[in-house]
């Protein structure tokens, strides 16, 4: 697994679609454009009923369009031990190969003698694939490249439910109630708690997508 600048590898890993087996995106090297930032203002709670919160991510802002794409995320709440989390999500608008999904265990940790903001990411796309990653400061470590799953519903607006549970040593990933795999970050800094959030990747081709990028997240908080 390789560590590198987020604007390069995170966007390549999350945007590119793989083949039927696990696909690990090649490292594209340093880039001038692209970027990643926390953007809570773009993740708006649109409804709260029955104990569930619906959050909508929507943007057609041209400042996020670039030849290398852009990654936007948000987190909330206190840093707490991670137990489990279930989120229903769908993406009716935007490039089908671009990732969107969950941030878990985000927080400040000491790594190589300095404090860094770190987190884990669990993504799907509208091509029926999932990917796992770990962010350390401004670097991204691919834990699982884009991998096809027959349990992921494909196409614009298709609803999918992601569940992540702690199993003591790491995490269990379920998609639409089907166990997909177990995983852990393996190396320092290790993650067992923190803040939760969402993440959305805007692909270079979204510049030509009418209506921008639109993603919905529903979960019990």
Protein backbone atom coordinates (compact mmCIF):
# COMPACT_ATOMS: atom_id res chain seq x y z
CA UNK A 1 0.00 0.00 0.00
CA UNK A 2 1.26 3.45 -0.88
CA UNK A 3 0.96 6.78 0.83
CA UNK A 4 0.83 9.90 -1.25
CA UNK A 5 -0.84 13.26 -1.72
CA UNK A 6 -4.65 13.00 -1.42
CA UNK A 7 -5.42 15.09 -4.52
CA UNK A 8 -3.51 12.54 -6.63
CA UNK A 9 -4.23 9.09 -5.31
CA UNK A 10 -7.51 9.51 -3.48
CA UNK A 11 -9.16 10.92 -6.56
CA UNK A 12 -7.66 8.27 -8.84
CA UNK A 13 -8.63 5.47 -6.48
CA UNK A 14 -12.16 6.77 -5.96
CA UNK A 15 -12.96 7.89 -9.49
CA UNK A 16 -11.57 5.12 -11.68
CA UNK A 17 -13.60 1.95 -12.15
CA UNK A 18 -11.94 -1.43 -12.01
CA UNK A 19 -12.50 -4.80 -13.63
CA UNK A 20 -14.19 -7.81 -12.06
CA UNK A 21 -11.37 -8.33 -9.56
CA UNK A 22 -9.89 -5.91 -7.06
CA UNK A 23 -8.44 -2.89 -8.84
CA UNK A 24 -5.71 -0.82 -7.20
CA UNK A 25 -5.37 2.52 -9.02
CA UNK A 26 -1.88 3.34 -10.26
CA UNK A 27 -0.16 6.25 -8.61
CA UNK A 28 -0.52 9.19 -11.02
CA UNK A 29 2.25 11.30 -9.48
CA UNK A 30 2.18 14.89 -8.21
CA UNK A 31 -0.50 17.19 -9.57
CA UNK A 32 -1.00 20.92 -9.56
CA UNK A 33 -4.81 20.82 -9.60
CA UNK A 34 -7.41 18.84 -7.72
CA UNK A 35 -7.87 19.02 -3.99
CA UNK A 36 -9.64 17.89 -0.88
CA UNK A 37 -11.35 19.90 1.83
CA UNK A 38 -13.83 19.75 4.66
CA UNK A 39 -17.02 21.43 3.42
CA UNK A 40 -19.80 21.03 5.97
CA UNK A 41 -21.89 23.72 4.25
CA UNK A 42 -22.46 21.41 1.25
CA UNK A 43 -23.88 18.61 3.43
CA UNK A 44 -27.29 19.90 4.47
CA UNK A 45 -29.76 18.12 6.74
CA UNK A 46 -32.99 18.27 4.71
CA UNK A 47 -35.34 16.18 6.83
CA UNK A 48 -35.59 14.74 10.31
CA UNK A 49 -38.39 12.32 11.09
CA UNK A 50 -38.87 8.95 12.72
CA UNK A 51 -35.48 9.23 14.42
CA UNK A 52 -33.67 9.42 11.08
CA UNK A 53 -31.77 12.27 9.49
CA UNK A 54 -31.61 12.81 5.72
CA UNK A 55 -28.55 14.76 4.60
CA UNK A 56 -28.18 16.04 1.05
CA UNK A 57 -24.91 16.88 -0.65
CA UNK A 58 -25.41 19.07 -3.69
CA UNK A 59 -23.15 21.35 -5.67
CA UNK A 60 -22.78 22.74 -9.16
CA UNK A 61 -20.11 25.22 -8.07
CA UNK A 62 -17.53 25.50 -10.85
CA UNK A 63 -14.68 26.03 -8.38
CA UNK A 64 -14.79 22.30 -7.58
CA UNK A 65 -14.38 21.27 -11.24
CA UNK A 66 -10.79 20.46 -12.22
CA UNK A 67 -8.86 18.06 -14.39
CA UNK A 68 -7.98 16.01 -11.32
CA UNK A 69 -11.32 16.14 -9.55
CA UNK A 70 -12.14 17.28 -6.03
CA UNK A 71 -12.96 15.49 -2.77
CA UNK A 72 -15.32 17.02 -0.19
CA UNK A 73 -16.12 15.70 3.27
CA UNK A 74 -17.67 16.55 6.61
CA UNK A 75 -17.68 15.19 10.17
CA UNK A 76 -19.66 16.05 13.29
CA UNK A 77 -20.07 15.31 16.98
CA UNK A 78 -17.60 14.22 19.62
CA UNK A 79 -14.79 11.69 19.32
CA UNK A 80 -16.39 8.49 20.68
CA UNK A 81 -15.51 4.77 20.56
CA UNK A 82 -16.80 3.28 17.31
CA UNK A 83 -19.42 0.54 17.63
CA UNK A 84 -21.56 0.45 14.49
CA UNK A 85 -23.09 2.68 11.87
CA UNK A 86 -25.67 2.14 9.12
CA UNK A 87 -26.25 4.63 6.30
CA UNK A 88 -28.61 4.43 3.33
CA UNK A 89 -27.29 6.43 0.40
CA UNK A 90 -28.07 7.17 -3.21
CA UNK A 91 -26.61 9.38 -5.91
CA UNK A 92 -29.09 10.52 -8.58
CA UNK A 93 -26.73 12.96 -10.33
CA UNK A 94 -23.03 12.91 -11.17
CA UNK A 95 -20.41 10.70 -12.79
CA UNK A 96 -21.23 7.06 -12.03
CA UNK A 97 -17.62 6.03 -11.33
CA UNK A 98 -16.97 8.66 -8.65
CA UNK A 99 -17.02 7.53 -5.05
CA UNK A 100 -19.27 8.60 -2.17
CA UNK A 101 -19.80 7.18 1.27
CA UNK A 102 -18.79 7.20 4.92
CA UNK A 103 -16.07 8.72 7.04
CA UNK A 104 -15.49 6.90 10.35
CA UNK A 105 -13.09 7.31 13.28
CA UNK A 106 -11.92 10.80 12.31
CA UNK A 107 -9.76 12.59 14.84
CA UNK A 108 -6.35 13.90 15.85
CA UNK A 109 -3.61 11.27 16.38
CA UNK A 110 0.15 11.28 16.78
CA UNK A 111 1.95 9.76 13.81
CA UNK A 112 5.68 9.83 13.17
CA UNK A 113 6.25 12.39 15.91
CA UNK A 114 3.54 14.87 14.98
CA UNK A 115 -0.20 15.29 15.38
CA UNK A 116 -2.26 14.53 12.27
CA UNK A 117 -5.95 14.48 11.43
CA UNK A 118 -6.74 10.89 10.37
CA UNK A 119 -9.83 8.92 9.34
CA UNK A 120 -11.10 5.83 7.55
CA UNK A 121 -13.31 5.95 4.45
CA UNK A 122 -15.82 3.45 3.05
CA UNK A 123 -16.99 4.26 -0.48
CA UNK A 124 -19.28 2.90 -3.16
CA UNK A 125 -20.01 4.16 -6.67
CA UNK A 126 -22.90 3.78 -9.11
CA UNK A 127 -20.98 1.13 -11.07
CA UNK A 128 -21.52 -1.47 -8.34
CA UNK A 129 -18.11 -1.17 -6.67
CA UNK A 130 -16.73 -0.39 -3.21
CA UNK A 131 -13.37 0.85 -1.92
CA UNK A 132 -11.73 1.29 1.49
CA UNK A 133 -9.17 3.91 2.48
CA UNK A 134 -7.25 5.55 5.30
CA UNK A 135 -6.38 9.25 5.42
CA UNK A 136 -3.39 10.58 7.38
CA UNK A 137 -3.12 14.35 7.22
CA UNK A 138 -2.95 15.10 3.50
CA UNK A 139 -2.07 11.53 2.50
CA UNK A 140 -4.28 8.62 1.45
CA UNK A 141 -3.60 4.92 1.91
CA UNK A 142 -5.68 2.54 -0.20
CA UNK A 143 -6.83 -0.37 1.94
CA UNK A 144 -8.95 -1.87 -0.84
CA UNK A 145 -9.07 -0.62 -4.42
CA UNK A 146 -12.32 -0.55 -6.39
CA UNK A 147 -13.88 -4.01 -6.16
CA UNK A 148 -17.06 -5.21 -7.86
CA UNK A 149 -19.84 -6.57 -5.69
CA UNK A 150 -23.04 -8.14 -6.97
CA UNK A 151 -24.75 -6.91 -3.79
CA UNK A 152 -24.42 -3.23 -4.77
CA UNK A 153 -27.31 -1.84 -6.80
CA UNK A 154 -26.09 0.04 -9.87
CA UNK A 155 -27.20 3.15 -11.71
CA UNK A 156 -28.17 6.76 -10.94
CA UNK A 157 -30.23 7.03 -7.76
CA UNK A 158 -30.02 3.34 -6.88
CA UNK A 159 -30.40 3.00 -3.08
CA UNK A 160 -27.72 1.10 -1.16
CA UNK A 161 -27.19 0.60 2.56
CA UNK A 162 -23.71 0.45 4.07
CA UNK A 163 -23.20 -0.97 7.56
CA UNK A 164 -19.86 -0.90 9.38
CA UNK A 165 -19.48 -2.66 12.73
CA UNK A 166 -16.61 -2.98 15.13
CA UNK A 167 -15.54 -6.56 15.79
CA UNK A 168 -12.89 -5.76 18.39
CA UNK A 169 -9.85 -6.23 16.15
CA UNK A 170 -11.20 -4.19 13.25
CA UNK A 171 -14.42 -3.77 11.32
CA UNK A 172 -17.05 -5.75 9.45
CA UNK A 173 -18.49 -4.28 6.24
CA UNK A 174 -22.01 -5.14 5.11
CA UNK A 175 -23.72 -3.80 2.00
CA UNK A 176 -27.48 -4.21 1.69
CA UNK A 177 -27.38 -6.63 4.65
CA UNK A 178 -24.81 -8.90 2.97
CA UNK A 179 -21.47 -9.43 4.70
CA UNK A 180 -18.77 -8.25 2.29
CA UNK A 181 -15.52 -8.49 4.27
CA UNK A 182 -13.69 -7.70 7.47
CA UNK A 183 -10.93 -5.09 7.50
CA UNK A 184 -8.60 -3.15 9.79
CA UNK A 185 -6.12 -0.36 9.27
CA UNK A 186 -3.31 -2.70 10.30
CA UNK A 187 -0.57 -0.13 10.88
CA UNK A 188 -0.24 2.96 13.02
CA UNK A 189 -2.13 5.12 13.60
CA UNK A 190 -4.85 2.63 14.46
CA UNK A 191 -8.52 3.60 14.54
CA UNK A 192 -11.09 2.48 17.09
CA UNK A 193 -13.09 5.68 17.56
CA UNK A 194 -13.49 9.31 16.56
CA UNK A 195 -16.04 11.37 14.67
CA UNK A 196 -18.36 10.21 11.90
CA UNK A 197 -19.07 11.90 8.59
CA UNK A 198 -19.62 11.69 4.84
CA UNK A 199 -17.42 12.02 1.78
CA UNK A 200 -18.16 12.75 -1.90
CA UNK A 201 -15.78 12.80 -4.88
CA UNK A 202 -16.43 15.14 -7.79
CA UNK A 203 -14.97 13.72 -10.99
CA UNK A 204 -13.34 15.78 -13.76
CA UNK A 205 -16.20 14.81 -16.09
CA UNK A 206 -18.78 16.24 -13.67
CA UNK A 207 -17.92 19.60 -15.21
CA UNK A 208 -20.08 18.52 -18.13
CA UNK A 209 -22.88 16.99 -16.03
CA UNK A 210 -26.12 18.95 -16.08
CA UNK A 211 -27.36 19.66 -12.58
CA UNK A 212 -24.05 19.08 -10.82
CA UNK A 213 -23.52 16.35 -8.21
CA UNK A 214 -26.34 15.24 -5.90
CA UNK A 215 -26.03 12.61 -3.12
CA UNK A 216 -28.41 11.66 -0.30
CA UNK A 217 -27.49 10.06 3.03
CA UNK A 218 -30.04 8.70 5.52
CA UNK A 219 -29.16 7.34 8.96
CA UNK A 220 -30.18 7.15 12.59
CA UNK A 221 -28.02 9.45 14.71
